[in-house]
Amino acid sequence: MPIKIAPSILSARFDRLGDQVREAAEAGADMLHIDVMDGHFVPNLTMGPAIVKSIRALTKVPFDTHLMVTHPQDFVQ
C-alpha cells in the first residue's frame, strides 16, 4: 500500500491560509487534513464549515476531515 501525505492545515498561518493550501497541493499533497472542532466536544474551536467551504474552492485535493464536534451530522453534506 503506498504512503499518502496529508498535511494538516491547522498548522497553517491563518492570514496565509489560501496561499498555504495551494502550496501544499502544488507540492504534491495527496490530501489535506482538516481538524474541525466546535468548542463543545473538545474545548478548542477551529475551522468551521465556512472556512472548509472557502478552501474547497482553492484545490481539488481531497480533504481528510477529523470532526471533533458534538453533532457531526450537522457538519456533513
C-alpha atoms as a PDB file:
ATOM      1  CA  MET A   1       0.000   0.000   0.000  1.00  0.00           C
ATOM      2  CA  PRO A   2       1.504   3.380  -0.962  1.00  0.00           C
ATOM      3  CA  ILE A   3       2.100   6.049   1.664  1.00  0.00           C
ATOM      4  CA  LYS A   4      -0.234   9.055   1.455  1.00  0.00           C
ATOM      5  CA  ILE A   5       0.807  12.539   2.538  1.00  0.00           C
ATOM      6  CA  ALA A   6      -1.901  14.647   4.245  1.00  0.00           C
ATOM      7  CA  PRO A   7      -0.534  17.901   5.690  1.00  0.00           C
ATOM      8  CA  SER A   8      -2.731  19.458   8.361  1.00  0.00           C
ATOM      9  CA  ILE A   9      -3.996  22.957   7.675  1.00  0.00           C
ATOM     10  CA  LEU A  10      -4.294  23.505  11.435  1.00  0.00           C
ATOM     11  CA  SER A  11      -0.598  24.400  11.372  1.00  0.00           C
ATOM     12  CA  ALA A  12      -1.072  26.942   8.559  1.00  0.00           C
ATOM     13  CA  ARG A  13      -0.897  30.659   9.235  1.00  0.00           C
ATOM     14  CA  PHE A  14      -4.486  31.863   9.174  1.00  0.00           C
ATOM     15  CA  ASP A  15      -3.513  35.085   7.387  1.00  0.00           C
ATOM     16  CA  ARG A  16      -1.947  32.955   4.610  1.00  0.00           C
ATOM     17  CA  LEU A  17      -4.351  30.017   4.668  1.00  0.00           C
ATOM     18  CA  GLY A  18      -5.277  30.226   0.983  1.00  0.00           C
ATOM     19  CA  ASP A  19      -1.665  30.502  -0.146  1.00  0.00           C
ATOM     20  CA  GLN A  20      -0.552  27.656   2.087  1.00  0.00           C
ATOM     21  CA  VAL A  21      -3.395  25.369   0.952  1.00  0.00           C
ATOM     22  CA  ARG A  22      -2.350  25.979  -2.661  1.00  0.00           C
ATOM     23  CA  GLU A  23       1.331  25.450  -1.788  1.00  0.00           C
ATOM     24  CA  ALA A  24       0.579  22.099  -0.138  1.00  0.00           C
ATOM     25  CA  ALA A  25      -1.452  20.955  -3.135  1.00  0.00           C
ATOM     26  CA  GLU A  26       1.201  22.087  -5.620  1.00  0.00           C
ATOM     27  CA  ALA A  27       3.910  20.345  -3.561  1.00  0.00           C
ATOM     28  CA  GLY A  28       2.130  17.034  -4.127  1.00  0.00           C
ATOM     29  CA  ALA A  29      -0.037  16.515  -1.046  1.00  0.00           C
ATOM     30  CA  ASP A  30      -2.318  13.519  -1.604  1.00  0.00           C
ATOM     31  CA  MET A  31      -4.969  15.084   0.624  1.00  0.00           C
ATOM     32  CA  LEU A  32      -5.317  17.893   3.161  1.00  0.00           C
ATOM     33  CA  HIS A  33      -6.108  17.111   6.798  1.00  0.00           C
ATOM     34  CA  ILE A  34      -8.662  19.436   8.394  1.00  0.00           C
ATOM     35  CA  ASP A  35      -9.466  19.389  12.115  1.00  0.00           C
ATOM     36  CA  VAL A  36     -12.953  20.759  12.787  1.00  0.00           C
ATOM     37  CA  MET A  37     -13.524  21.447  16.499  1.00  0.00           C
ATOM     38  CA  ASP A  38     -16.698  23.027  17.864  1.00  0.00           C
ATOM     39  CA  GLY A  39     -15.617  24.129  21.346  1.00  0.00           C
ATOM     40  CA  HIS A  40     -18.110  21.694  22.934  1.00  0.00           C
ATOM     41  CA  PHE A  41     -16.959  18.142  22.130  1.00  0.00           C
ATOM     42  CA  VAL A  42     -13.422  19.360  22.716  1.00  0.00           C
ATOM     43  CA  PRO A  43     -12.502  22.675  24.378  1.00  0.00           C
ATOM     44  CA  ASN A  44     -10.804  24.072  21.256  1.00  0.00           C
ATOM     45  CA  LEU A  45     -12.512  25.941  18.430  1.00  0.00           C
ATOM     46  CA  THR A  46     -11.016  25.718  14.929  1.00  0.00           C
ATOM     47  CA  MET A  47     -12.142  25.835  11.309  1.00  0.00           C
ATOM     48  CA  GLY A  48     -15.861  25.571  10.733  1.00  0.00           C
ATOM     49  CA  PRO A  49     -17.973  24.947   7.647  1.00  0.00           C
ATOM     50  CA  ALA A  50     -17.391  28.429   6.193  1.00  0.00           C
ATOM     51  CA  ILE A  51     -13.596  28.012   6.213  1.00  0.00           C
ATOM     52  CA  VAL A  52     -13.793  24.479   4.806  1.00  0.00           C
ATOM     53  CA  LYS A  53     -16.088  25.726   2.025  1.00  0.00           C
ATOM     54  CA  SER A  54     -13.768  28.617   1.177  1.00  0.00           C
ATOM     55  CA  ILE A  55     -10.679  26.419   0.885  1.00  0.00           C
ATOM     56  CA  ARG A  56     -12.597  23.802  -1.111  1.00  0.00           C
ATOM     57  CA  ALA A  57     -12.692  26.355  -3.939  1.00  0.00           C
ATOM     58  CA  LEU A  58      -8.868  26.566  -3.916  1.00  0.00           C
ATOM     59  CA  THR A  59      -7.964  22.955  -4.700  1.00  0.00           C
ATOM     60  CA  LYS A  60      -9.309  19.644  -5.909  1.00  0.00           C
ATOM     61  CA  VAL A  61      -7.080  17.727  -3.470  1.00  0.00           C
ATOM     62  CA  PRO A  62      -9.333  15.525  -1.291  1.00  0.00           C
ATOM     63  CA  PHE A  63      -9.933  16.535   2.326  1.00  0.00           C
ATOM     64  CA  ASP A  64      -9.316  14.165   5.229  1.00  0.00           C
ATOM     65  CA  THR A  65     -11.532  15.743   7.868  1.00  0.00           C
ATOM     66  CA  HIS A  66     -11.415  14.989  11.581  1.00  0.00           C
ATOM     67  CA  LEU A  67     -14.758  16.043  13.111  1.00  0.00           C
ATOM     68  CA  MET A  68     -14.316  16.669  16.821  1.00  0.00           C
ATOM     69  CA  VAL A  69     -17.827  18.033  17.230  1.00  0.00           C
ATOM     70  CA  THR A  70     -20.879  17.208  19.334  1.00  0.00           C
ATOM     71  CA  HIS A  71     -23.249  16.734  16.381  1.00  0.00           C
ATOM     72  CA  PRO A  72     -21.195  15.590  13.357  1.00  0.00           C
ATOM     73  CA  GLN A  73     -24.330  15.161  11.229  1.00  0.00           C
ATOM     74  CA  ASP A  74     -24.660  18.976  11.262  1.00  0.00           C
ATOM     75  CA  PHE A  75     -21.279  19.299   9.533  1.00  0.00           C
ATOM     76  CA  VAL A  76     -21.667  16.775   6.697  1.00  0.00           C
ATOM     77  CA  GLN A  77     -23.456  17.396   3.397  1.00  0.00           C
END
